[in-house]
Amino acid sequence: CPALRHLTVSYTDGDVTDKGIGAIARGCPELRHLAVWSTNGAITDESIRAVALGCPKLEHLDVGCTFGKVTDRSITEIAGRCRGLKYVGLHGTEGKVVAALRPLFPESCSVTV
């Protein structure tokens, strides 16, 4: 999957976990769009940090409604490493990711909280 650019695993009821997203992050450096919205807490900072390290061309990330498992720690890494971001969805992150992170992203990046 080195050429994979778009992946949505939203609403997977926990069937997709950090292990799977970590493998994608390590093997798909061309990934531009990742949506892990509403994954019943199976996606955590662990895999989002892996995405930050392995997918520097990421443009769209939606981690909404991840039951507080994705926090400001991994989002800070995404902001620092994926400088081409155009959209980050943080809605429903149960206060773990705050609007104060907004200044970390490029002005052209749309951040929803």
PDB file of N, CA and C in Angstrom:
ATOM      1  N   CYS A   1       0.806  -1.213   0.000  1.00  0.00           N
ATOM      2  CA  CYS A   1       0.000   0.000   0.000  1.00  0.00           C
ATOM      3  C   CYS A   1       0.845   1.271   0.000  1.00  0.00           C
ATOM      4  N   PRO A   2       2.056   1.256  -0.496  1.00  0.00           N
ATOM      5  CA  PRO A   2       2.858   2.474  -0.457  1.00  0.00           C
ATOM      6  C   PRO A   2       2.210   3.674  -1.158  1.00  0.00           C
ATOM      7  N   ALA A   3       1.318   3.410  -2.110  1.00  0.00           N
ATOM      8  CA  ALA A   3       0.684   4.503  -2.849  1.00  0.00           C
ATOM      9  C   ALA A   3      -0.657   4.932  -2.255  1.00  0.00           C
ATOM     10  N   LEU A   4      -1.095   4.292  -1.183  1.00  0.00           N
ATOM     11  CA  LEU A   4      -2.382   4.636  -0.560  1.00  0.00           C
ATOM     12  C   LEU A   4      -2.387   6.101  -0.152  1.00  0.00           C
ATOM     13  N   ARG A   5      -3.442   6.800  -0.543  1.00  0.00           N
ATOM     14  CA  ARG A   5      -3.546   8.228  -0.235  1.00  0.00           C
ATOM     15  C   ARG A   5      -4.750   8.562   0.627  1.00  0.00           C
ATOM     16  N   HIS A   6      -5.758   7.719   0.652  1.00  0.00           N
ATOM     17  CA  HIS A   6      -7.006   8.033   1.351  1.00  0.00           C
ATOM     18  C   HIS A   6      -7.466   6.805   2.133  1.00  0.00           C
ATOM     19  N   LEU A   7      -7.714   6.986   3.431  1.00  0.00           N
ATOM     20  CA  LEU A   7      -8.194   5.872   4.248  1.00  0.00           C
ATOM     21  C   LEU A   7      -9.214   6.382   5.253  1.00  0.00           C
ATOM     22  N   THR A   8     -10.377   5.765   5.245  1.00  0.00           N
ATOM     23  CA  THR A   8     -11.419   6.064   6.225  1.00  0.00           C
ATOM     24  C   THR A   8     -11.766   4.776   6.952  1.00  0.00           C
ATOM     25  N   VAL A   9     -11.599   4.792   8.260  1.00  0.00           N
ATOM     26  CA  VAL A   9     -11.961   3.632   9.081  1.00  0.00           C
ATOM     27  C   VAL A   9     -12.946   4.050  10.175  1.00  0.00           C
ATOM     28  N   SER A  10     -13.714   5.074   9.888  1.00  0.00           N
ATOM     29  CA  SER A  10     -14.701   5.573  10.836  1.00  0.00           C
ATOM     30  C   SER A  10     -15.825   4.560  11.030  1.00  0.00           C
ATOM     31  N   TYR A  11     -16.395   4.584  12.220  1.00  0.00           N
ATOM     32  CA  TYR A  11     -17.511   3.697  12.574  1.00  0.00           C
ATOM     33  C   TYR A  11     -17.159   2.224  12.428  1.00  0.00           C
ATOM     34  N   THR A  12     -15.986   1.843  12.852  1.00  0.00           N
ATOM     35  CA  THR A  12     -15.569   0.451  12.738  1.00  0.00           C
ATOM     36  C   THR A  12     -15.742  -0.313  14.053  1.00  0.00           C
ATOM     37  N   ASP A  13     -16.399   0.291  15.036  1.00  0.00           N
ATOM     38  CA  ASP A  13     -16.737  -0.379  16.299  1.00  0.00           C
ATOM     39  C   ASP A  13     -15.544  -1.034  16.976  1.00  0.00           C
ATOM     40  N   GLY A  14     -14.369  -0.447  16.854  1.00  0.00           N
ATOM     41  CA  GLY A  14     -13.189  -0.987  17.519  1.00  0.00           C
ATOM     42  C   GLY A  14     -12.488  -2.091  16.761  1.00  0.00           C
ATOM     43  N   ASP A  15     -12.971  -2.433  15.573  1.00  0.00           N
ATOM     44  CA  ASP A  15     -12.339  -3.496  14.786  1.00  0.00           C
ATOM     45  C   ASP A  15     -10.992  -3.070  14.209  1.00  0.00           C
ATOM     46  N   VAL A  16     -10.816  -1.784  13.984  1.00  0.00           N
ATOM     47  CA  VAL A  16      -9.533  -1.251  13.539  1.00  0.00           C
ATOM     48  C   VAL A  16      -8.867  -0.637  14.766  1.00  0.00           C
ATOM     49  N   THR A  17      -7.634  -1.037  15.029  1.00  0.00           N
ATOM     50  CA  THR A  17      -6.949  -0.621  16.254  1.00  0.00           C
ATOM     51  C   THR A  17      -5.640   0.106  15.940  1.00  0.00           C
ATOM     52  N   ASP A  18      -4.932   0.475  17.003  1.00  0.00           N
ATOM     53  CA  ASP A  18      -3.620   1.114  16.848  1.00  0.00           C
ATOM     54  C   ASP A  18      -2.672   0.257  16.021  1.00  0.00           C
ATOM     55  N   LYS A  19      -2.759  -1.033  16.188  1.00  0.00           N
ATOM     56  CA  LYS A  19      -1.869  -1.932  15.444  1.00  0.00           C
ATOM     57  C   LYS A  19      -2.054  -1.753  13.935  1.00  0.00           C
ATOM     58  N   GLY A  20      -3.288  -1.716  13.491  1.00  0.00           N
ATOM     59  CA  GLY A  20      -3.572  -1.563  12.066  1.00  0.00           C
ATOM     60  C   GLY A  20      -3.186  -0.198  11.531  1.00  0.00           C
ATOM     61  N   ILE A  21      -3.524   0.851  12.275  1.00  0.00           N
ATOM     62  CA  ILE A  21      -3.179   2.199  11.834  1.00  0.00           C
ATOM     63  C   ILE A  21      -1.661   2.390  11.871  1.00  0.00           C
ATOM     64  N   GLY A  22      -0.999   1.797  12.849  1.00  0.00           N
ATOM     65  CA  GLY A  22       0.462   1.861  12.916  1.00  0.00           C
ATOM     66  C   GLY A  22       1.100   1.225  11.690  1.00  0.00           C
ATOM     67  N   ALA A  23       0.561   0.086  11.259  1.00  0.00           N
ATOM     68  CA  ALA A  23       1.080  -0.586  10.059  1.00  0.00           C
ATOM     69  C   ALA A  23       0.867   0.284   8.818  1.00  0.00           C
ATOM     70  N   ILE A  24      -0.285   0.908   8.724  1.00  0.00           N
ATOM     71  CA  ILE A  24      -0.561   1.824   7.606  1.00  0.00           C
ATOM     72  C   ILE A  24       0.439   2.976   7.629  1.00  0.00           C
ATOM     73  N   ALA A  25       0.660   3.540   8.802  1.00  0.00           N
ATOM     74  CA  ALA A  25       1.575   4.680   8.928  1.00  0.00           C
ATOM     75  C   ALA A  25       2.995   4.312   8.510  1.00  0.00           C
ATOM     76  N   ARG A  26       3.417   3.124   8.863  1.00  0.00           N
ATOM     77  CA  ARG A  26       4.777   2.692   8.512  1.00  0.00           C
ATOM     78  C   ARG A  26       4.916   2.341   7.031  1.00  0.00           C
ATOM     79  N   GLY A  27       3.845   1.903   6.405  1.00  0.00           N
ATOM     80  CA  GLY A  27       3.948   1.426   5.032  1.00  0.00           C
ATOM     81  C   GLY A  27       3.355   2.310   3.961  1.00  0.00           C
ATOM     82  N   CYS A  28       2.737   3.412   4.352  1.00  0.00           N
ATOM     83  CA  CYS A  28       2.040   4.251   3.374  1.00  0.00           C
ATOM     84  C   CYS A  28       2.450   5.718   3.506  1.00  0.00           C
ATOM     85  N   PRO A  29       3.660   6.043   3.110  1.00  0.00           N
ATOM     86  CA  PRO A  29       4.149   7.416   3.278  1.00  0.00           C
ATOM     87  C   PRO A  29       3.430   8.459   2.425  1.00  0.00           C
ATOM     88  N   GLU A  30       2.655   8.020   1.441  1.00  0.00           N
ATOM     89  CA  GLU A  30       1.926   8.945   0.575  1.00  0.00           C
ATOM     90  C   GLU A  30       0.541   9.286   1.112  1.00  0.00           C
ATOM     91  N   LEU A  31       0.172   8.749   2.276  1.00  0.00           N
ATOM     92  CA  LEU A  31      -1.167   8.978   2.835  1.00  0.00           C
ATOM     93  C   LEU A  31      -1.437  10.472   2.996  1.00  0.00           C
ATOM     94  N   ARG A  32      -2.573  10.919   2.463  1.00  0.00           N
ATOM     95  CA  ARG A  32      -2.960  12.334   2.521  1.00  0.00           C
ATOM     96  C   ARG A  32      -4.209  12.543   3.383  1.00  0.00           C
ATOM     97  N   HIS A  33      -5.072  11.529   3.465  1.00  0.00           N
ATOM     98  CA  HIS A  33      -6.365  11.681   4.143  1.00  0.00           C
ATOM     99  C   HIS A  33      -6.575  10.486   5.081  1.00  0.00           C
ATOM    100  N   LEU A  34      -6.797  10.778   6.361  1.00  0.00           N
ATOM    101  CA  LEU A  34      -7.077   9.722   7.328  1.00  0.00           C
ATOM    102  C   LEU A  34      -8.236  10.135   8.211  1.00  0.00           C
ATOM    103  N   ALA A  35      -9.269   9.318   8.232  1.00  0.00           N
ATOM    104  CA  ALA A  35     -10.418   9.549   9.101  1.00  0.00           C
ATOM    105  C   ALA A  35     -10.582   8.344  10.019  1.00  0.00           C
ATOM    106  N   VAL A  36     -10.443   8.597  11.308  1.00  0.00           N
ATOM    107  CA  VAL A  36     -10.618   7.541  12.317  1.00  0.00           C
ATOM    108  C   VAL A  36     -11.701   7.965  13.299  1.00  0.00           C
ATOM    109  N   TRP A  37     -12.679   8.648  12.772  1.00  0.00           N
ATOM    110  CA  TRP A  37     -13.770   9.194  13.559  1.00  0.00           C
ATOM    111  C   TRP A  37     -14.631   8.083  14.146  1.00  0.00           C
ATOM    112  N   SER A  38     -14.935   8.191  15.409  1.00  0.00           N
ATOM    113  CA  SER A  38     -15.866   7.280  16.074  1.00  0.00           C
ATOM    114  C   SER A  38     -15.437   5.815  15.955  1.00  0.00           C
ATOM    115  N   THR A  39     -14.287   5.511  16.547  1.00  0.00           N
ATOM    116  CA  THR A  39     -13.735   4.161  16.494  1.00  0.00           C
ATOM    117  C   THR A  39     -13.770   3.457  17.859  1.00  0.00           C
ATOM    118  N   ASN A  40     -14.679   3.893  18.709  1.00  0.00           N
ATOM    119  CA  ASN A  40     -14.908   3.255  20.021  1.00  0.00           C
ATOM    120  C   ASN A  40     -13.662   3.175  20.899  1.00  0.00           C
ATOM    121  N   GLY A  41     -12.792   4.155  20.804  1.00  0.00           N
ATOM    122  CA  GLY A  41     -11.607   4.206  21.653  1.00  0.00           C
ATOM    123  C   GLY A  41     -10.486   3.280  21.249  1.00  0.00           C
ATOM    124  N   ALA A  42     -10.612   2.610  20.104  1.00  0.00           N
ATOM    125  CA  ALA A  42      -9.578   1.665  19.669  1.00  0.00           C
ATOM    126  C   ALA A  42      -8.385   2.372  19.027  1.00  0.00           C
ATOM    127  N   ILE A  43      -8.572   3.624  18.622  1.00  0.00           N
ATOM    128  CA  ILE A  43      -7.485   4.422  18.060  1.00  0.00           C
ATOM    129  C   ILE A  43      -7.046   5.404  19.139  1.00  0.00           C
ATOM    130  N   THR A  44      -5.743   5.417  19.438  1.00  0.00           N
ATOM    131  CA  THR A  44      -5.218   6.243  20.520  1.00  0.00           C
ATOM    132  C   THR A  44      -4.050   7.093  20.029  1.00  0.00           C
ATOM    133  N   ASP A  45      -3.444   7.797  20.980  1.00  0.00           N
ATOM    134  CA  ASP A  45      -2.255   8.592  20.666  1.00  0.00           C
ATOM    135  C   ASP A  45      -1.162   7.757  20.003  1.00  0.00           C
ATOM    136  N   GLU A  46      -1.073   6.502  20.371  1.00  0.00           N
ATOM    137  CA  GLU A  46      -0.027   5.630  19.823  1.00  0.00           C
ATOM    138  C   GLU A  46      -0.037   5.620  18.299  1.00  0.00           C
ATOM    139  N   SER A  47      -1.192   5.377  17.719  1.00  0.00           N
ATOM    140  CA  SER A  47      -1.236   5.294  16.255  1.00  0.00           C
ATOM    141  C   SER A  47      -1.193   6.669  15.594  1.00  0.00           C
ATOM    142  N   ILE A  48      -1.722   7.685  16.244  1.00  0.00           N
ATOM    143  CA  ILE A  48      -1.670   9.024  15.658  1.00  0.00           C
ATOM    144  C   ILE A  48      -0.231   9.541  15.654  1.00  0.00           C
ATOM    145  N   ARG A  49       0.551   9.203  16.676  1.00  0.00           N
ATOM    146  CA  ARG A  49       1.979   9.546  16.664  1.00  0.00           C
ATOM    147  C   ARG A  49       2.695   8.813  15.530  1.00  0.00           C
ATOM    148  N   ALA A  50       2.320   7.562  15.293  1.00  0.00           N
ATOM    149  CA  ALA A  50       2.914   6.801  14.184  1.00  0.00           C
ATOM    150  C   ALA A  50       2.589   7.466  12.849  1.00  0.00           C
ATOM    151  N   VAL A  51       1.382   7.969  12.708  1.00  0.00           N
ATOM    152  CA  VAL A  51       0.990   8.683  11.486  1.00  0.00           C
ATOM    153  C   VAL A  51       1.840   9.953  11.334  1.00  0.00           C
ATOM    154  N   ALA A  52       2.048  10.667  12.415  1.00  0.00           N
ATOM    155  CA  ALA A  52       2.877  11.875  12.370  1.00  0.00           C
ATOM    156  C   ALA A  52       4.283  11.551  11.865  1.00  0.00           C
ATOM    157  N   LEU A  53       4.817  10.436  12.299  1.00  0.00           N
ATOM    158  CA  LEU A  53       6.167  10.040  11.901  1.00  0.00           C
ATOM    159  C   LEU A  53       6.229   9.475  10.485  1.00  0.00           C
ATOM    160  N   GLY A  54       5.237   8.700  10.101  1.00  0.00           N
ATOM    161  CA  GLY A  54       5.303   7.977   8.839  1.00  0.00           C
ATOM    162  C   GLY A  54       4.595   8.592   7.655  1.00  0.00           C
ATOM    163  N   CYS A  55       3.756   9.595   7.897  1.00  0.00           N
ATOM    164  CA  CYS A  55       2.935  10.159   6.821  1.00  0.00           C
ATOM    165  C   CYS A  55       3.075  11.684   6.776  1.00  0.00           C
ATOM    166  N   PRO A  56       4.231  12.186   6.431  1.00  0.00           N
ATOM    167  CA  PRO A  56       4.464  13.637   6.467  1.00  0.00           C
ATOM    168  C   PRO A  56       3.642  14.439   5.461  1.00  0.00           C
ATOM    169  N   LYS A  57       3.056  13.769   4.470  1.00  0.00           N
ATOM    170  CA  LYS A  57       2.265  14.472   3.454  1.00  0.00           C
ATOM    171  C   LYS A  57       0.787  14.569   3.821  1.00  0.00           C
ATOM    172  N   LEU A  58       0.439  14.162   5.037  1.00  0.00           N
ATOM    173  CA  LEU A  58      -0.958  14.175   5.477  1.00  0.00           C
ATOM    174  C   LEU A  58      -1.559  15.571   5.342  1.00  0.00           C
ATOM    175  N   GLU A  59      -2.749  15.632   4.757  1.00  0.00           N
ATOM    176  CA  GLU A  59      -3.454  16.902   4.556  1.00  0.00           C
ATOM    177  C   GLU A  59      -4.754  16.966   5.334  1.00  0.00           C
ATOM    178  N   HIS A  60      -5.352  15.823   5.625  1.00  0.00           N
ATOM    179  CA  HIS A  60      -6.667  15.771   6.273  1.00  0.00           C
ATOM    180  C   HIS A  60      -6.634  14.704   7.358  1.00  0.00           C
ATOM    181  N   LEU A  61      -6.981  15.099   8.573  1.00  0.00           N
ATOM    182  CA  LEU A  61      -7.047  14.148   9.684  1.00  0.00           C
ATOM    183  C   LEU A  61      -8.300  14.413  10.484  1.00  0.00           C
ATOM    184  N   ASP A  62      -9.105  13.386  10.687  1.00  0.00           N
ATOM    185  CA  ASP A  62     -10.301  13.507  11.522  1.00  0.00           C
ATOM    186  C   ASP A  62     -10.220  12.476  12.633  1.00  0.00           C
ATOM    187  N   VAL A  63     -10.073  12.958  13.858  1.00  0.00           N
ATOM    188  CA  VAL A  63      -9.988  12.089  15.033  1.00  0.00           C
ATOM    189  C   VAL A  63     -11.142  12.347  15.991  1.00  0.00           C
ATOM    190  N   GLY A  64     -12.235  12.897  15.479  1.00  0.00           N
ATOM    191  CA  GLY A  64     -13.390  13.212  16.318  1.00  0.00           C
ATOM    192  C   GLY A  64     -13.981  11.976  16.979  1.00  0.00           C
ATOM    193  N   CYS A  65     -14.538  12.199  18.142  1.00  0.00           N
ATOM    194  CA  CYS A  65     -15.253  11.152  18.896  1.00  0.00           C
ATOM    195  C   CYS A  65     -14.402   9.904  19.103  1.00  0.00           C
ATOM    196  N   THR A  66     -13.190  10.099  19.579  1.00  0.00           N
ATOM    197  CA  THR A  66     -12.301   8.968  19.852  1.00  0.00           C
ATOM    198  C   THR A  66     -12.243   8.655  21.350  1.00  0.00           C
ATOM    199  N   PHE A  67     -13.281   9.053  22.069  1.00  0.00           N
ATOM    200  CA  PHE A  67     -13.444   8.707  23.482  1.00  0.00           C
ATOM    201  C   PHE A  67     -12.280   9.154  24.354  1.00  0.00           C
ATOM    202  N   GLY A  68     -11.678  10.281  24.008  1.00  0.00           N
ATOM    203  CA  GLY A  68     -10.588  10.820  24.803  1.00  0.00           C
ATOM    204  C   GLY A  68      -9.269  10.085  24.659  1.00  0.00           C
ATOM    205  N   LYS A  69      -9.186   9.163  23.718  1.00  0.00           N
ATOM    206  CA  LYS A  69      -7.960   8.379  23.528  1.00  0.00           C
ATOM    207  C   LYS A  69      -6.936   9.083  22.653  1.00  0.00           C
ATOM    208  N   VAL A  70      -7.382  10.043  21.849  1.00  0.00           N
ATOM    209  CA  VAL A  70      -6.468  10.871  21.069  1.00  0.00           C
ATOM    210  C   VAL A  70      -6.411  12.212  21.784  1.00  0.00           C
ATOM    211  N   THR A  71      -5.218  12.592  22.216  1.00  0.00           N
ATOM    212  CA  THR A  71      -5.070  13.790  23.044  1.00  0.00           C
ATOM    213  C   THR A  71      -4.152  14.812  22.383  1.00  0.00           C
ATOM    214  N   ASP A  72      -3.913  15.887  23.114  1.00  0.00           N
ATOM    215  CA  ASP A  72      -3.045  16.945  22.609  1.00  0.00           C
ATOM    216  C   ASP A  72      -1.623  16.458  22.352  1.00  0.00           C
ATOM    217  N   ARG A  73      -1.215  15.388  22.998  1.00  0.00           N
ATOM    218  CA  ARG A  73       0.143  14.870  22.788  1.00  0.00           C
ATOM    219  C   ARG A  73       0.375  14.474  21.335  1.00  0.00           C
ATOM    220  N   SER A  74      -0.499  13.645  20.792  1.00  0.00           N
ATOM    221  CA  SER A  74      -0.294  13.202  19.405  1.00  0.00           C
ATOM    222  C   SER A  74      -0.669  14.294  18.406  1.00  0.00           C
ATOM    223  N   ILE A  75      -1.639  15.117  18.744  1.00  0.00           N
ATOM    224  CA  ILE A  75      -2.041  16.192  17.832  1.00  0.00           C
ATOM    225  C   ILE A  75      -0.914  17.215  17.695  1.00  0.00           C
ATOM    226  N   THR A  76      -0.183  17.453  18.775  1.00  0.00           N
ATOM    227  CA  THR A  76       0.970  18.345  18.712  1.00  0.00           C
ATOM    228  C   THR A  76       2.026  17.794  17.754  1.00  0.00           C
ATOM    229  N   GLU A  77       2.226  16.486  17.788  1.00  0.00           N
ATOM    230  CA  GLU A  77       3.189  15.867  16.849  1.00  0.00           C
ATOM    231  C   GLU A  77       2.715  15.987  15.412  1.00  0.00           C
ATOM    232  N   ILE A  78       1.421  15.773  15.181  1.00  0.00           N
ATOM    233  CA  ILE A  78       0.858  15.928  13.836  1.00  0.00           C
ATOM    234  C   ILE A  78       1.105  17.349  13.346  1.00  0.00           C
ATOM    235  N   ALA A  79       0.820  18.324  14.189  1.00  0.00           N
ATOM    236  CA  ALA A  79       0.987  19.727  13.801  1.00  0.00           C
ATOM    237  C   ALA A  79       2.435  20.048  13.465  1.00  0.00           C
ATOM    238  N   GLY A  80       3.361  19.456  14.188  1.00  0.00           N
ATOM    239  CA  GLY A  80       4.771  19.734  13.966  1.00  0.00           C
ATOM    240  C   GLY A  80       5.377  19.029  12.771  1.00  0.00           C
ATOM    241  N   ARG A  81       4.835  17.880  12.415  1.00  0.00           N
ATOM    242  CA  ARG A  81       5.451  17.072  11.362  1.00  0.00           C
ATOM    243  C   ARG A  81       4.705  17.094  10.034  1.00  0.00           C
ATOM    244  N   CYS A  82       3.420  17.336  10.062  1.00  0.00           N
ATOM    245  CA  CYS A  82       2.600  17.300   8.837  1.00  0.00           C
ATOM    246  C   CYS A  82       2.233  18.735   8.463  1.00  0.00           C
ATOM    247  N   ARG A  83       3.181  19.447   7.907  1.00  0.00           N
ATOM    248  CA  ARG A  83       3.016  20.882   7.676  1.00  0.00           C
ATOM    249  C   ARG A  83       2.081  21.226   6.518  1.00  0.00           C
ATOM    250  N   GLY A  84       1.646  20.246   5.755  1.00  0.00           N
ATOM    251  CA  GLY A  84       0.724  20.510   4.656  1.00  0.00           C
ATOM    252  C   GLY A  84      -0.730  20.307   5.034  1.00  0.00           C
ATOM    253  N   LEU A  85      -1.012  20.214   6.309  1.00  0.00           N
ATOM    254  CA  LEU A  85      -2.390  19.972   6.749  1.00  0.00           C
ATOM    255  C   LEU A  85      -3.340  21.061   6.273  1.00  0.00           C
ATOM    256  N   LYS A  86      -4.502  20.600   5.803  1.00  0.00           N
ATOM    257  CA  LYS A  86      -5.552  21.517   5.379  1.00  0.00           C
ATOM    258  C   LYS A  86      -6.772  21.405   6.278  1.00  0.00           C
ATOM    259  N   TYR A  87      -6.914  20.267   6.958  1.00  0.00           N
ATOM    260  CA  TYR A  87      -8.079  20.059   7.834  1.00  0.00           C
ATOM    261  C   TYR A  87      -7.708  19.116   8.981  1.00  0.00           C
ATOM    262  N   VAL A  88      -8.122  19.491  10.187  1.00  0.00           N
ATOM    263  CA  VAL A  88      -7.996  18.617  11.346  1.00  0.00           C
ATOM    264  C   VAL A  88      -9.319  18.667  12.093  1.00  0.00           C
ATOM    265  N   GLY A  89      -9.959  17.523  12.229  1.00  0.00           N
ATOM    266  CA  GLY A  89     -11.220  17.429  12.955  1.00  0.00           C
ATOM    267  C   GLY A  89     -10.982  16.905  14.366  1.00  0.00           C
ATOM    268  N   LEU A  90     -11.254  17.745  15.349  1.00  0.00           N
ATOM    269  CA  LEU A  90     -11.037  17.388  16.749  1.00  0.00           C
ATOM    270  C   LEU A  90     -12.339  17.366  17.541  1.00  0.00           C
ATOM    271  N   HIS A  91     -13.477  17.481  16.875  1.00  0.00           N
ATOM    272  CA  HIS A  91     -14.759  17.556  17.541  1.00  0.00           C
ATOM    273  C   HIS A  91     -15.047  16.302  18.367  1.00  0.00           C
ATOM    274  N   GLY A  92     -15.650  16.499  19.506  1.00  0.00           N
ATOM    275  CA  GLY A  92     -16.035  15.370  20.344  1.00  0.00           C
ATOM    276  C   GLY A  92     -14.872  14.637  20.967  1.00  0.00           C
ATOM    277  N   THR A  93     -13.757  15.333  21.218  1.00  0.00           N
ATOM    278  CA  THR A  93     -12.607  14.662  21.811  1.00  0.00           C
ATOM    279  C   THR A  93     -12.612  14.768  23.337  1.00  0.00           C
ATOM    280  N   GLU A  94     -13.769  15.072  23.895  1.00  0.00           N
ATOM    281  CA  GLU A  94     -13.996  15.060  25.343  1.00  0.00           C
ATOM    282  C   GLU A  94     -13.038  15.947  26.128  1.00  0.00           C
ATOM    283  N   GLY A  95     -12.691  17.083  25.540  1.00  0.00           N
ATOM    284  CA  GLY A  95     -11.872  18.042  26.248  1.00  0.00           C
ATOM    285  C   GLY A  95     -10.394  17.702  26.318  1.00  0.00           C
ATOM    286  N   LYS A  96     -10.005  16.569  25.777  1.00  0.00           N
ATOM    287  CA  LYS A  96      -8.603  16.166  25.815  1.00  0.00           C
ATOM    288  C   LYS A  96      -7.768  16.946  24.804  1.00  0.00           C
ATOM    289  N   VAL A  97      -8.396  17.396  23.746  1.00  0.00           N
ATOM    290  CA  VAL A  97      -7.725  18.204  22.742  1.00  0.00           C
ATOM    291  C   VAL A  97      -8.429  19.553  22.765  1.00  0.00           C
ATOM    292  N   VAL A  98      -7.695  20.607  23.014  1.00  0.00           N
ATOM    293  CA  VAL A  98      -8.319  21.907  23.227  1.00  0.00           C
ATOM    294  C   VAL A  98      -8.050  22.871  22.092  1.00  0.00           C
ATOM    295  N   ALA A  99      -8.872  23.909  22.021  1.00  0.00           N
ATOM    296  CA  ALA A  99      -8.739  24.924  20.980  1.00  0.00           C
ATOM    297  C   ALA A  99      -7.396  25.645  21.067  1.00  0.00           C
ATOM    298  N   ALA A 100      -6.739  25.561  22.194  1.00  0.00           N
ATOM    299  CA  ALA A 100      -5.429  26.200  22.349  1.00  0.00           C
ATOM    300  C   ALA A 100      -4.402  25.621  21.380  1.00  0.00           C
ATOM    301  N   LEU A 101      -4.693  24.446  20.810  1.00  0.00           N
ATOM    302  CA  LEU A 101      -3.774  23.844  19.835  1.00  0.00           C
ATOM    303  C   LEU A 101      -3.825  24.561  18.489  1.00  0.00           C
ATOM    304  N   ARG A 102      -4.835  25.354  18.264  1.00  0.00           N
ATOM    305  CA  ARG A 102      -5.026  26.013  16.971  1.00  0.00           C
ATOM    306  C   ARG A 102      -3.777  26.741  16.473  1.00  0.00           C
ATOM    307  N   PRO A 103      -3.058  27.487  17.330  1.00  0.00           N
ATOM    308  CA  PRO A 103      -1.886  28.212  16.833  1.00  0.00           C
ATOM    309  C   PRO A 103      -0.760  27.313  16.305  1.00  0.00           C
ATOM    310  N   LEU A 104      -0.797  26.037  16.599  1.00  0.00           N
ATOM    311  CA  LEU A 104       0.247  25.126  16.130  1.00  0.00           C
ATOM    312  C   LEU A 104       0.129  24.804  14.643  1.00  0.00           C
ATOM    313  N   PHE A 105      -1.070  24.981  14.088  1.00  0.00           N
ATOM    314  CA  PHE A 105      -1.330  24.610  12.695  1.00  0.00           C
ATOM    315  C   PHE A 105      -1.150  25.805  11.757  1.00  0.00           C
ATOM    316  N   PRO A 106      -0.831  25.528  10.496  1.00  0.00           N
ATOM    317  CA  PRO A 106      -0.725  26.622   9.528  1.00  0.00           C
ATOM    318  C   PRO A 106      -2.049  27.379   9.434  1.00  0.00           C
ATOM    319  N   GLU A 107      -1.993  28.650   9.096  1.00  0.00           N
ATOM    320  CA  GLU A 107      -3.213  29.457   8.978  1.00  0.00           C
ATOM    321  C   GLU A 107      -4.194  28.869   7.977  1.00  0.00           C
ATOM    322  N   SER A 108      -3.680  28.234   6.949  1.00  0.00           N
ATOM    323  CA  SER A 108      -4.540  27.675   5.909  1.00  0.00           C
ATOM    324  C   SER A 108      -5.251  26.390   6.329  1.00  0.00           C
ATOM    325  N   CYS A 109      -4.928  25.878   7.506  1.00  0.00           N
ATOM    326  CA  CYS A 109      -5.520  24.630   7.978  1.00  0.00           C
ATOM    327  C   CYS A 109      -6.807  24.907   8.747  1.00  0.00           C
ATOM    328  N   SER A 110      -7.876  24.265   8.325  1.00  0.00           N
ATOM    329  CA  SER A 110      -9.148  24.364   9.027  1.00  0.00           C
ATOM    330  C   SER A 110      -9.162  23.387  10.190  1.00  0.00           C
ATOM    331  N   VAL A 111      -9.390  23.900  11.398  1.00  0.00           N
ATOM    332  CA  VAL A 111      -9.430  23.059  12.603  1.00  0.00           C
ATOM    333  C   VAL A 111     -10.820  23.177  13.197  1.00  0.00           C
ATOM    334  N   THR A 112     -11.504  22.045  13.330  1.00  0.00           N
ATOM    335  CA  THR A 112     -12.823  22.057  13.975  1.00  0.00           C
ATOM    336  C   THR A 112     -12.711  21.401  15.340  1.00  0.00           C
ATOM    337  N   VAL A 113     -13.294  22.056  16.338  1.00  0.00           N
ATOM    338  CA  VAL A 113     -13.247  21.558  17.711  1.00  0.00           C
ATOM    339  C   VAL A 113     -14.660  21.336  18.180  1.00  0.00           C
TER     340      VAL A 113
END
